[in-house]
Amino acid sequence: MISFCQSIQHASPINAHFSPEPSYMPGYEDDVIMAAGTFIQGSSIELSADGPIRPPYEAYVQGGLTYEHVKIAVTRAVKQLKEQGLI
Protein backbone atom coordinates (compact mmCIF):
# COMPACT_ATOMS: atom_id res chain seq x y z
CA MET A 1 0.00 0.00 0.00
CA ILE A 2 2.81 2.40 0.85
CA SER A 3 4.66 1.57 -2.36
CA PHE A 4 1.45 1.94 -4.38
CA CYS A 5 0.74 5.40 -2.95
CA GLN A 6 4.36 6.47 -3.46
CA SER A 7 4.14 5.39 -7.10
CA ILE A 8 0.97 7.44 -7.58
CA GLN A 9 2.79 10.47 -6.14
CA HIS A 10 5.79 9.90 -8.43
CA ALA A 11 3.46 9.92 -11.46
CA SER A 12 1.87 13.21 -10.42
CA PRO A 13 2.41 16.56 -12.17
CA ILE A 14 3.24 18.40 -8.93
CA ASN A 15 5.80 17.31 -6.32
CA ALA A 16 6.55 14.05 -8.13
CA HIS A 17 9.99 14.04 -6.48
CA PHE A 18 8.46 13.57 -3.01
CA SER A 19 7.71 10.18 -1.45
CA PRO A 20 4.78 10.22 0.96
CA GLU A 21 5.24 8.35 4.22
CA PRO A 22 2.61 7.16 6.69
CA SER A 23 2.13 9.52 9.61
CA TYR A 24 -0.23 10.47 12.39
CA MET A 25 -3.26 12.55 11.48
CA PRO A 26 -5.76 13.86 14.01
CA GLY A 27 -9.02 11.96 13.89
CA TYR A 28 -7.50 8.66 12.74
CA GLU A 29 -6.60 5.73 14.99
CA ASP A 30 -3.80 4.57 12.66
CA ASP A 31 -1.13 6.32 10.64
CA VAL A 32 -2.35 7.48 7.23
CA ILE A 33 -0.56 7.81 3.91
CA MET A 34 -1.68 10.44 1.41
CA ALA A 35 -0.39 10.85 -2.12
CA ALA A 36 -1.64 13.89 -4.00
CA GLY A 37 0.56 15.69 -6.47
CA THR A 38 -2.20 18.15 -7.20
CA PHE A 39 -2.36 21.74 -8.38
CA ILE A 40 -4.90 22.66 -5.68
CA GLN A 41 -4.49 21.18 -2.19
CA GLY A 42 -7.51 19.11 -1.23
CA SER A 43 -8.88 18.97 -4.77
CA SER A 44 -11.18 16.00 -5.19
CA ILE A 45 -11.06 15.93 -9.01
CA GLU A 46 -7.29 15.51 -9.23
CA LEU A 47 -5.61 12.11 -8.88
CA SER A 48 -4.86 11.05 -5.32
CA ALA A 49 -4.42 7.87 -3.29
CA ASP A 50 -4.69 7.55 0.46
CA GLY A 51 -5.69 5.28 3.29
CA PRO A 52 -5.04 4.21 6.87
CA ILE A 53 -2.14 1.83 7.47
CA ARG A 54 -4.07 -1.14 8.86
CA PRO A 55 -5.57 -4.35 7.51
CA PRO A 56 -6.98 -4.85 4.95
CA TYR A 57 -4.52 -2.19 3.65
CA GLU A 58 -6.82 -0.51 1.14
CA ALA A 59 -5.67 2.56 -0.75
CA TYR A 60 -8.46 4.77 -1.99
CA VAL A 61 -7.67 6.07 -5.47
CA GLN A 62 -9.83 8.91 -6.64
CA GLY A 63 -10.01 11.73 -9.11
CA GLY A 64 -7.91 12.24 -12.18
CA LEU A 65 -8.21 15.03 -14.71
CA THR A 66 -7.64 12.73 -17.68
CA TYR A 67 -8.11 9.03 -18.31
CA GLU A 68 -4.60 8.78 -19.74
CA HIS A 69 -2.92 10.20 -16.63
CA VAL A 70 -4.81 7.86 -14.30
CA LYS A 71 -4.02 4.88 -16.52
CA ILE A 72 -0.30 5.72 -16.62
CA ALA A 73 -0.12 6.30 -12.85
CA VAL A 74 -1.96 3.11 -11.88
CA THR A 75 0.00 1.07 -14.44
CA ARG A 76 3.28 2.38 -13.02
CA ALA A 77 2.13 1.63 -9.48
CA VAL A 78 1.20 -1.96 -10.35
CA LYS A 79 4.50 -2.41 -12.21
CA GLN A 80 6.39 -1.19 -9.13
CA LEU A 81 4.52 -3.66 -6.91
CA LYS A 82 5.41 -6.51 -9.30
CA GLU A 83 9.09 -5.48 -9.38
CA GLN A 84 9.16 -5.49 -5.57
CA GLY A 85 7.55 -8.93 -5.46
CA LEU A 86 4.54 -7.62 -3.59
CA ILE A 87 2.06 -9.01 -6.11
PDB file of N, CA and C in Angstrom:
ATOM      1  N   MET A   1       0.816  -1.186   0.000  1.00  0.00           N
ATOM      2  CA  MET A   1       0.000   0.000   0.000  1.00  0.00           C
ATOM      3  C   MET A   1       0.867   1.260   0.000  1.00  0.00           C
ATOM      4  N   ILE A   2       1.909   1.250   0.809  1.00  0.00           N
ATOM      5  CA  ILE A   2       2.813   2.401   0.855  1.00  0.00           C
ATOM      6  C   ILE A   2       3.486   2.583  -0.495  1.00  0.00           C
ATOM      7  N   SER A   3       4.005   1.506  -1.059  1.00  0.00           N
ATOM      8  CA  SER A   3       4.664   1.568  -2.360  1.00  0.00           C
ATOM      9  C   SER A   3       3.694   2.032  -3.443  1.00  0.00           C
ATOM     10  N   PHE A   4       2.464   1.542  -3.401  1.00  0.00           N
ATOM     11  CA  PHE A   4       1.454   1.940  -4.379  1.00  0.00           C
ATOM     12  C   PHE A   4       1.214   3.448  -4.306  1.00  0.00           C
ATOM     13  N   CYS A   5       0.996   3.972  -3.110  1.00  0.00           N
ATOM     14  CA  CYS A   5       0.745   5.405  -2.954  1.00  0.00           C
ATOM     15  C   CYS A   5       1.958   6.235  -3.370  1.00  0.00           C
ATOM     16  N   GLN A   6       3.152   5.764  -3.042  1.00  0.00           N
ATOM     17  CA  GLN A   6       4.355   6.475  -3.460  1.00  0.00           C
ATOM     18  C   GLN A   6       4.462   6.513  -4.977  1.00  0.00           C
ATOM     19  N   SER A   7       4.096   5.431  -5.641  1.00  0.00           N
ATOM     20  CA  SER A   7       4.137   5.393  -7.104  1.00  0.00           C
ATOM     21  C   SER A   7       3.127   6.357  -7.709  1.00  0.00           C
ATOM     22  N   ILE A   8       1.965   6.473  -7.107  1.00  0.00           N
ATOM     23  CA  ILE A   8       0.968   7.443  -7.583  1.00  0.00           C
ATOM     24  C   ILE A   8       1.532   8.856  -7.454  1.00  0.00           C
ATOM     25  N   GLN A   9       2.178   9.147  -6.335  1.00  0.00           N
ATOM     26  CA  GLN A   9       2.791  10.469  -6.142  1.00  0.00           C
ATOM     27  C   GLN A   9       3.862  10.724  -7.192  1.00  0.00           C
ATOM     28  N   HIS A  10       4.696   9.734  -7.466  1.00  0.00           N
ATOM     29  CA  HIS A  10       5.790   9.897  -8.426  1.00  0.00           C
ATOM     30  C   HIS A  10       5.286  10.114  -9.847  1.00  0.00           C
ATOM     31  N   ALA A  11       4.054   9.728 -10.133  1.00  0.00           N
ATOM     32  CA  ALA A  11       3.464   9.923 -11.463  1.00  0.00           C
ATOM     33  C   ALA A  11       2.621  11.197 -11.525  1.00  0.00           C
ATOM     34  N   SER A  12       2.691  12.004 -10.493  1.00  0.00           N
ATOM     35  CA  SER A  12       1.871  13.213 -10.416  1.00  0.00           C
ATOM     36  C   SER A  12       2.577  14.413 -11.044  1.00  0.00           C
ATOM     37  N   PRO A  13       1.804  15.392 -11.524  1.00  0.00           N
ATOM     38  CA  PRO A  13       2.411  16.556 -12.173  1.00  0.00           C
ATOM     39  C   PRO A  13       3.082  17.525 -11.204  1.00  0.00           C
ATOM     40  N   ILE A  14       2.692  17.496  -9.941  1.00  0.00           N
ATOM     41  CA  ILE A  14       3.241  18.404  -8.930  1.00  0.00           C
ATOM     42  C   ILE A  14       3.891  17.566  -7.830  1.00  0.00           C
ATOM     43  N   ASN A  15       5.078  17.972  -7.414  1.00  0.00           N
ATOM     44  CA  ASN A  15       5.797  17.305  -6.318  1.00  0.00           C
ATOM     45  C   ASN A  15       6.030  15.817  -6.551  1.00  0.00           C
ATOM     46  N   ALA A  16       6.297  15.455  -7.797  1.00  0.00           N
ATOM     47  CA  ALA A  16       6.555  14.049  -8.131  1.00  0.00           C
ATOM     48  C   ALA A  16       7.839  13.538  -7.482  1.00  0.00           C
ATOM     49  N   HIS A  17       8.711  14.439  -7.081  1.00  0.00           N
ATOM     50  CA  HIS A  17       9.988  14.037  -6.481  1.00  0.00           C
ATOM     51  C   HIS A  17       9.856  13.703  -4.989  1.00  0.00           C
ATOM     52  N   PHE A  18       8.692  13.913  -4.419  1.00  0.00           N
ATOM     53  CA  PHE A  18       8.464  13.571  -3.014  1.00  0.00           C
ATOM     54  C   PHE A  18       7.933  12.150  -2.878  1.00  0.00           C
ATOM     55  N   SER A  19       8.234  11.507  -1.761  1.00  0.00           N
ATOM     56  CA  SER A  19       7.706  10.175  -1.448  1.00  0.00           C
ATOM     57  C   SER A  19       6.899  10.269  -0.162  1.00  0.00           C
ATOM     58  N   PRO A  20       5.585  10.133  -0.262  1.00  0.00           N
ATOM     59  CA  PRO A  20       4.779  10.217   0.956  1.00  0.00           C
ATOM     60  C   PRO A  20       5.080   9.062   1.906  1.00  0.00           C
ATOM     61  N   GLU A  21       5.017   9.344   3.178  1.00  0.00           N
ATOM     62  CA  GLU A  21       5.240   8.347   4.224  1.00  0.00           C
ATOM     63  C   GLU A  21       4.041   8.349   5.162  1.00  0.00           C
ATOM     64  N   PRO A  22       3.705   7.198   5.724  1.00  0.00           N
ATOM     65  CA  PRO A  22       2.607   7.161   6.689  1.00  0.00           C
ATOM     66  C   PRO A  22       2.934   8.030   7.899  1.00  0.00           C
ATOM     67  N   SER A  23       1.918   8.707   8.415  1.00  0.00           N
ATOM     68  CA  SER A  23       2.128   9.519   9.608  1.00  0.00           C
ATOM     69  C   SER A  23       0.808   9.717  10.346  1.00  0.00           C
ATOM     70  N   TYR A  24       0.934  10.211  11.551  1.00  0.00           N
ATOM     71  CA  TYR A  24      -0.231  10.470  12.388  1.00  0.00           C
ATOM     72  C   TYR A  24      -1.044  11.619  11.803  1.00  0.00           C
ATOM     73  N   MET A  25      -2.350  11.467  11.837  1.00  0.00           N
ATOM     74  CA  MET A  25      -3.265  12.549  11.477  1.00  0.00           C
ATOM     75  C   MET A  25      -4.377  12.580  12.515  1.00  0.00           C
ATOM     76  N   PRO A  26      -4.678  13.751  13.031  1.00  0.00           N
ATOM     77  CA  PRO A  26      -5.756  13.860  14.011  1.00  0.00           C
ATOM     78  C   PRO A  26      -7.062  13.286  13.456  1.00  0.00           C
ATOM     79  N   GLY A  27      -7.756  12.535  14.294  1.00  0.00           N
ATOM     80  CA  GLY A  27      -9.024  11.956  13.889  1.00  0.00           C
ATOM     81  C   GLY A  27      -8.926  10.527  13.395  1.00  0.00           C
ATOM     82  N   TYR A  28      -7.702  10.032  13.202  1.00  0.00           N
ATOM     83  CA  TYR A  28      -7.499   8.659  12.741  1.00  0.00           C
ATOM     84  C   TYR A  28      -6.822   7.853  13.844  1.00  0.00           C
ATOM     85  N   GLU A  29      -7.213   6.605  13.992  1.00  0.00           N
ATOM     86  CA  GLU A  29      -6.596   5.733  14.990  1.00  0.00           C
ATOM     87  C   GLU A  29      -5.236   5.227  14.537  1.00  0.00           C
ATOM     88  N   ASP A  30      -5.041   5.111  13.223  1.00  0.00           N
ATOM     89  CA  ASP A  30      -3.804   4.573  12.660  1.00  0.00           C
ATOM     90  C   ASP A  30      -3.124   5.640  11.811  1.00  0.00           C
ATOM     91  N   ASP A  31      -1.827   5.427  11.561  1.00  0.00           N
ATOM     92  CA  ASP A  31      -1.134   6.317  10.641  1.00  0.00           C
ATOM     93  C   ASP A  31      -1.818   6.269   9.279  1.00  0.00           C
ATOM     94  N   VAL A  32      -1.703   7.351   8.538  1.00  0.00           N
ATOM     95  CA  VAL A  32      -2.345   7.482   7.233  1.00  0.00           C
ATOM     96  C   VAL A  32      -1.289   7.885   6.218  1.00  0.00           C
ATOM     97  N   ILE A  33      -1.413   7.364   4.999  1.00  0.00           N
ATOM     98  CA  ILE A  33      -0.557   7.810   3.907  1.00  0.00           C
ATOM     99  C   ILE A  33      -1.436   8.535   2.900  1.00  0.00           C
ATOM    100  N   MET A  34      -0.922   9.656   2.386  1.00  0.00           N
ATOM    101  CA  MET A  34      -1.676  10.441   1.413  1.00  0.00           C
ATOM    102  C   MET A  34      -0.746  10.856   0.281  1.00  0.00           C
ATOM    103  N   ALA A  35      -1.113  10.455  -0.921  1.00  0.00           N
ATOM    104  CA  ALA A  35      -0.386  10.854  -2.121  1.00  0.00           C
ATOM    105  C   ALA A  35      -1.300  11.758  -2.929  1.00  0.00           C
ATOM    106  N   ALA A  36      -0.824  12.953  -3.221  1.00  0.00           N
ATOM    107  CA  ALA A  36      -1.640  13.886  -3.998  1.00  0.00           C
ATOM    108  C   ALA A  36      -0.744  14.957  -4.599  1.00  0.00           C
ATOM    109  N   GLY A  37      -0.236  14.693  -5.770  1.00  0.00           N
ATOM    110  CA  GLY A  37       0.562  15.688  -6.475  1.00  0.00           C
ATOM    111  C   GLY A  37      -0.364  16.576  -7.277  1.00  0.00           C
ATOM    112  N   THR A  38      -1.131  17.386  -6.574  1.00  0.00           N
ATOM    113  CA  THR A  38      -2.203  18.153  -7.204  1.00  0.00           C
ATOM    114  C   THR A  38      -1.859  19.631  -7.308  1.00  0.00           C
ATOM    115  N   PHE A  39      -2.546  20.303  -8.209  1.00  0.00           N
ATOM    116  CA  PHE A  39      -2.363  21.740  -8.378  1.00  0.00           C
ATOM    117  C   PHE A  39      -3.024  22.516  -7.242  1.00  0.00           C
ATOM    118  N   ILE A  40      -4.158  22.002  -6.752  1.00  0.00           N
ATOM    119  CA  ILE A  40      -4.895  22.663  -5.683  1.00  0.00           C
ATOM    120  C   ILE A  40      -5.010  21.688  -4.514  1.00  0.00           C
ATOM    121  N   GLN A  41      -4.466  22.064  -3.354  1.00  0.00           N
ATOM    122  CA  GLN A  41      -4.490  21.181  -2.191  1.00  0.00           C
ATOM    123  C   GLN A  41      -5.927  20.849  -1.804  1.00  0.00           C
ATOM    124  N   GLY A  42      -6.188  19.553  -1.619  1.00  0.00           N
ATOM    125  CA  GLY A  42      -7.515  19.107  -1.232  1.00  0.00           C
ATOM    126  C   GLY A  42      -8.480  18.932  -2.385  1.00  0.00           C
ATOM    127  N   SER A  43      -8.005  19.117  -3.600  1.00  0.00           N
ATOM    128  CA  SER A  43      -8.877  18.974  -4.765  1.00  0.00           C
ATOM    129  C   SER A  43      -9.353  17.536  -4.903  1.00  0.00           C
ATOM    130  N   SER A  44     -10.643  17.358  -5.083  1.00  0.00           N
ATOM    131  CA  SER A  44     -11.185  16.000  -5.194  1.00  0.00           C
ATOM    132  C   SER A  44     -11.255  15.510  -6.633  1.00  0.00           C
ATOM    133  N   ILE A  45     -11.005  16.390  -7.619  1.00  0.00           N
ATOM    134  CA  ILE A  45     -11.060  15.934  -9.010  1.00  0.00           C
ATOM    135  C   ILE A  45      -9.689  15.532  -9.538  1.00  0.00           C
ATOM    136  N   GLU A  46      -8.633  15.876  -8.802  1.00  0.00           N
ATOM    137  CA  GLU A  46      -7.288  15.507  -9.235  1.00  0.00           C
ATOM    138  C   GLU A  46      -6.906  14.156  -8.625  1.00  0.00           C
ATOM    139  N   LEU A  47      -6.002  13.456  -9.298  1.00  0.00           N
ATOM    140  CA  LEU A  47      -5.614  12.110  -8.881  1.00  0.00           C
ATOM    141  C   LEU A  47      -4.967  12.115  -7.499  1.00  0.00           C
ATOM    142  N   SER A  48      -5.457  11.230  -6.642  1.00  0.00           N
ATOM    143  CA  SER A  48      -4.864  11.049  -5.323  1.00  0.00           C
ATOM    144  C   SER A  48      -5.073   9.608  -4.877  1.00  0.00           C
ATOM    145  N   ALA A  49      -4.288   9.207  -3.895  1.00  0.00           N
ATOM    146  CA  ALA A  49      -4.419   7.875  -3.294  1.00  0.00           C
ATOM    147  C   ALA A  49      -4.102   8.023  -1.813  1.00  0.00           C
ATOM    148  N   ASP A  50      -4.923   7.430  -0.980  1.00  0.00           N
ATOM    149  CA  ASP A  50      -4.693   7.547   0.459  1.00  0.00           C
ATOM    150  C   ASP A  50      -5.389   6.414   1.192  1.00  0.00           C
ATOM    151  N   GLY A  51      -5.041   6.285   2.456  1.00  0.00           N
ATOM    152  CA  GLY A  51      -5.693   5.282   3.289  1.00  0.00           C
ATOM    153  C   GLY A  51      -4.960   5.079   4.595  1.00  0.00           C
ATOM    154  N   PRO A  52      -5.666   4.522   5.589  1.00  0.00           N
ATOM    155  CA  PRO A  52      -5.036   4.214   6.873  1.00  0.00           C
ATOM    156  C   PRO A  52      -4.162   2.965   6.763  1.00  0.00           C
ATOM    157  N   ILE A  53      -3.069   2.963   7.486  1.00  0.00           N
ATOM    158  CA  ILE A  53      -2.140   1.831   7.473  1.00  0.00           C
ATOM    159  C   ILE A  53      -2.612   0.795   8.489  1.00  0.00           C
ATOM    160  N   ARG A  54      -3.537  -0.038   8.043  1.00  0.00           N
ATOM    161  CA  ARG A  54      -4.070  -1.136   8.858  1.00  0.00           C
ATOM    162  C   ARG A  54      -4.755  -2.125   7.921  1.00  0.00           C
ATOM    163  N   PRO A  55      -4.863  -3.375   8.351  1.00  0.00           N
ATOM    164  CA  PRO A  55      -5.566  -4.352   7.515  1.00  0.00           C
ATOM    165  C   PRO A  55      -6.992  -3.867   7.242  1.00  0.00           C
ATOM    166  N   PRO A  56      -7.480  -4.061   6.076  1.00  0.00           N
ATOM    167  CA  PRO A  56      -6.984  -4.847   4.947  1.00  0.00           C
ATOM    168  C   PRO A  56      -6.079  -4.068   3.992  1.00  0.00           C
ATOM    169  N   TYR A  57      -5.473  -2.968   4.437  1.00  0.00           N
ATOM    170  CA  TYR A  57      -4.520  -2.187   3.647  1.00  0.00           C
ATOM    171  C   TYR A  57      -5.104  -1.777   2.298  1.00  0.00           C
ATOM    172  N   GLU A  58      -6.167  -1.004   2.352  1.00  0.00           N
ATOM    173  CA  GLU A  58      -6.824  -0.511   1.141  1.00  0.00           C
ATOM    174  C   GLU A  58      -6.429   0.933   0.888  1.00  0.00           C
ATOM    175  N   ALA A  59      -5.960   1.191  -0.320  1.00  0.00           N
ATOM    176  CA  ALA A  59      -5.674   2.557  -0.750  1.00  0.00           C
ATOM    177  C   ALA A  59      -6.856   3.033  -1.575  1.00  0.00           C
ATOM    178  N   TYR A  60      -7.320   4.203  -1.272  1.00  0.00           N
ATOM    179  CA  TYR A  60      -8.459   4.772  -1.986  1.00  0.00           C
ATOM    180  C   TYR A  60      -7.943   5.707  -3.073  1.00  0.00           C
ATOM    181  N   VAL A  61      -8.110   5.284  -4.312  1.00  0.00           N
ATOM    182  CA  VAL A  61      -7.671   6.070  -5.469  1.00  0.00           C
ATOM    183  C   VAL A  61      -8.886   6.824  -5.975  1.00  0.00           C
ATOM    184  N   GLN A  62      -8.706   8.113  -6.166  1.00  0.00           N
ATOM    185  CA  GLN A  62      -9.835   8.913  -6.638  1.00  0.00           C
ATOM    186  C   GLN A  62      -9.361  10.054  -7.517  1.00  0.00           C
ATOM    187  N   GLY A  63     -10.284  10.588  -8.267  1.00  0.00           N
ATOM    188  CA  GLY A  63     -10.008  11.734  -9.113  1.00  0.00           C
ATOM    189  C   GLY A  63      -9.225  11.381 -10.359  1.00  0.00           C
ATOM    190  N   GLY A  64      -8.667  12.386 -10.952  1.00  0.00           N
ATOM    191  CA  GLY A  64      -7.909  12.237 -12.185  1.00  0.00           C
ATOM    192  C   GLY A  64      -8.498  13.136 -13.254  1.00  0.00           C
ATOM    193  N   LEU A  65      -7.702  14.082 -13.721  1.00  0.00           N
ATOM    194  CA  LEU A  65      -8.209  15.031 -14.713  1.00  0.00           C
ATOM    195  C   LEU A  65      -8.364  14.402 -16.085  1.00  0.00           C
ATOM    196  N   THR A  66      -7.521  13.406 -16.387  1.00  0.00           N
ATOM    197  CA  THR A  66      -7.637  12.729 -17.684  1.00  0.00           C
ATOM    198  C   THR A  66      -7.498  11.226 -17.490  1.00  0.00           C
ATOM    199  N   TYR A  67      -8.172  10.493 -18.341  1.00  0.00           N
ATOM    200  CA  TYR A  67      -8.109   9.032 -18.311  1.00  0.00           C
ATOM    201  C   TYR A  67      -6.666   8.568 -18.492  1.00  0.00           C
ATOM    202  N   GLU A  68      -5.963   9.201 -19.421  1.00  0.00           N
ATOM    203  CA  GLU A  68      -4.596   8.780 -19.740  1.00  0.00           C
ATOM    204  C   GLU A  68      -3.672   8.905 -18.534  1.00  0.00           C
ATOM    205  N   HIS A  69      -3.786  10.001 -17.794  1.00  0.00           N
ATOM    206  CA  HIS A  69      -2.917  10.197 -16.631  1.00  0.00           C
ATOM    207  C   HIS A  69      -3.187   9.139 -15.567  1.00  0.00           C
ATOM    208  N   VAL A  70      -4.459   8.871 -15.299  1.00  0.00           N
ATOM    209  CA  VAL A  70      -4.809   7.859 -14.296  1.00  0.00           C
ATOM    210  C   VAL A  70      -4.296   6.494 -14.735  1.00  0.00           C
ATOM    211  N   LYS A  71      -4.469   6.174 -16.002  1.00  0.00           N
ATOM    212  CA  LYS A  71      -4.022   4.876 -16.518  1.00  0.00           C
ATOM    213  C   LYS A  71      -2.505   4.729 -16.385  1.00  0.00           C
ATOM    214  N   ILE A  72      -1.765   5.758 -16.736  1.00  0.00           N
ATOM    215  CA  ILE A  72      -0.303   5.717 -16.618  1.00  0.00           C
ATOM    216  C   ILE A  72       0.105   5.561 -15.150  1.00  0.00           C
ATOM    217  N   ALA A  73      -0.491   6.343 -14.268  1.00  0.00           N
ATOM    218  CA  ALA A  73      -0.122   6.303 -12.850  1.00  0.00           C
ATOM    219  C   ALA A  73      -0.415   4.943 -12.223  1.00  0.00           C
ATOM    220  N   VAL A  74      -1.593   4.407 -12.473  1.00  0.00           N
ATOM    221  CA  VAL A  74      -1.955   3.114 -11.880  1.00  0.00           C
ATOM    222  C   VAL A  74      -1.112   1.996 -12.486  1.00  0.00           C
ATOM    223  N   THR A  75      -0.846   2.072 -13.788  1.00  0.00           N
ATOM    224  CA  THR A  75      -0.002   1.065 -14.439  1.00  0.00           C
ATOM    225  C   THR A  75       1.403   1.081 -13.847  1.00  0.00           C
ATOM    226  N   ARG A  76       1.956   2.272 -13.644  1.00  0.00           N
ATOM    227  CA  ARG A  76       3.283   2.382 -13.020  1.00  0.00           C
ATOM    228  C   ARG A  76       3.275   1.828 -11.596  1.00  0.00           C
ATOM    229  N   ALA A  77       2.219   2.105 -10.862  1.00  0.00           N
ATOM    230  CA  ALA A  77       2.133   1.625  -9.481  1.00  0.00           C
ATOM    231  C   ALA A  77       2.078   0.103  -9.432  1.00  0.00           C
ATOM    232  N   VAL A  78       1.295  -0.497 -10.305  1.00  0.00           N
ATOM    233  CA  VAL A  78       1.203  -1.962 -10.346  1.00  0.00           C
ATOM    234  C   VAL A  78       2.535  -2.564 -10.783  1.00  0.00           C
ATOM    235  N   LYS A  79       3.188  -1.932 -11.757  1.00  0.00           N
ATOM    236  CA  LYS A  79       4.503  -2.409 -12.214  1.00  0.00           C
ATOM    237  C   LYS A  79       5.507  -2.378 -11.059  1.00  0.00           C
ATOM    238  N   GLN A  80       5.482  -1.308 -10.278  1.00  0.00           N
ATOM    239  CA  GLN A  80       6.386  -1.189  -9.131  1.00  0.00           C
ATOM    240  C   GLN A  80       6.123  -2.298  -8.113  1.00  0.00           C
ATOM    241  N   LEU A  81       4.858  -2.592  -7.853  1.00  0.00           N
ATOM    242  CA  LEU A  81       4.518  -3.665  -6.914  1.00  0.00           C
ATOM    243  C   LEU A  81       5.021  -5.015  -7.415  1.00  0.00           C
ATOM    244  N   LYS A  82       4.905  -5.253  -8.719  1.00  0.00           N
ATOM    245  CA  LYS A  82       5.411  -6.506  -9.302  1.00  0.00           C
ATOM    246  C   LYS A  82       6.923  -6.590  -9.168  1.00  0.00           C
ATOM    247  N   GLU A  83       7.625  -5.492  -9.468  1.00  0.00           N
ATOM    248  CA  GLU A  83       9.087  -5.480  -9.380  1.00  0.00           C
ATOM    249  C   GLU A  83       9.565  -5.725  -7.953  1.00  0.00           C
ATOM    250  N   GLN A  84       8.795  -5.297  -6.979  1.00  0.00           N
ATOM    251  CA  GLN A  84       9.158  -5.491  -5.574  1.00  0.00           C
ATOM    252  C   GLN A  84       8.694  -6.843  -5.037  1.00  0.00           C
ATOM    253  N   GLY A  85       8.030  -7.620  -5.882  1.00  0.00           N
ATOM    254  CA  GLY A  85       7.549  -8.933  -5.465  1.00  0.00           C
ATOM    255  C   GLY A  85       6.383  -8.880  -4.495  1.00  0.00           C
ATOM    256  N   LEU A  86       5.665  -7.776  -4.507  1.00  0.00           N
ATOM    257  CA  LEU A  86       4.541  -7.617  -3.585  1.00  0.00           C
ATOM    258  C   LEU A  86       3.237  -8.166  -4.158  1.00  0.00           C
ATOM    259  N   ILE A  87       3.217  -8.357  -5.475  1.00  0.00           N
ATOM    260  CA  ILE A  87       2.056  -9.007  -6.110  1.00  0.00           C
ATOM    261  C   ILE A  87       2.546  -9.978  -7.154  1.00  0.00           C
TER     262      ILE A  87
END
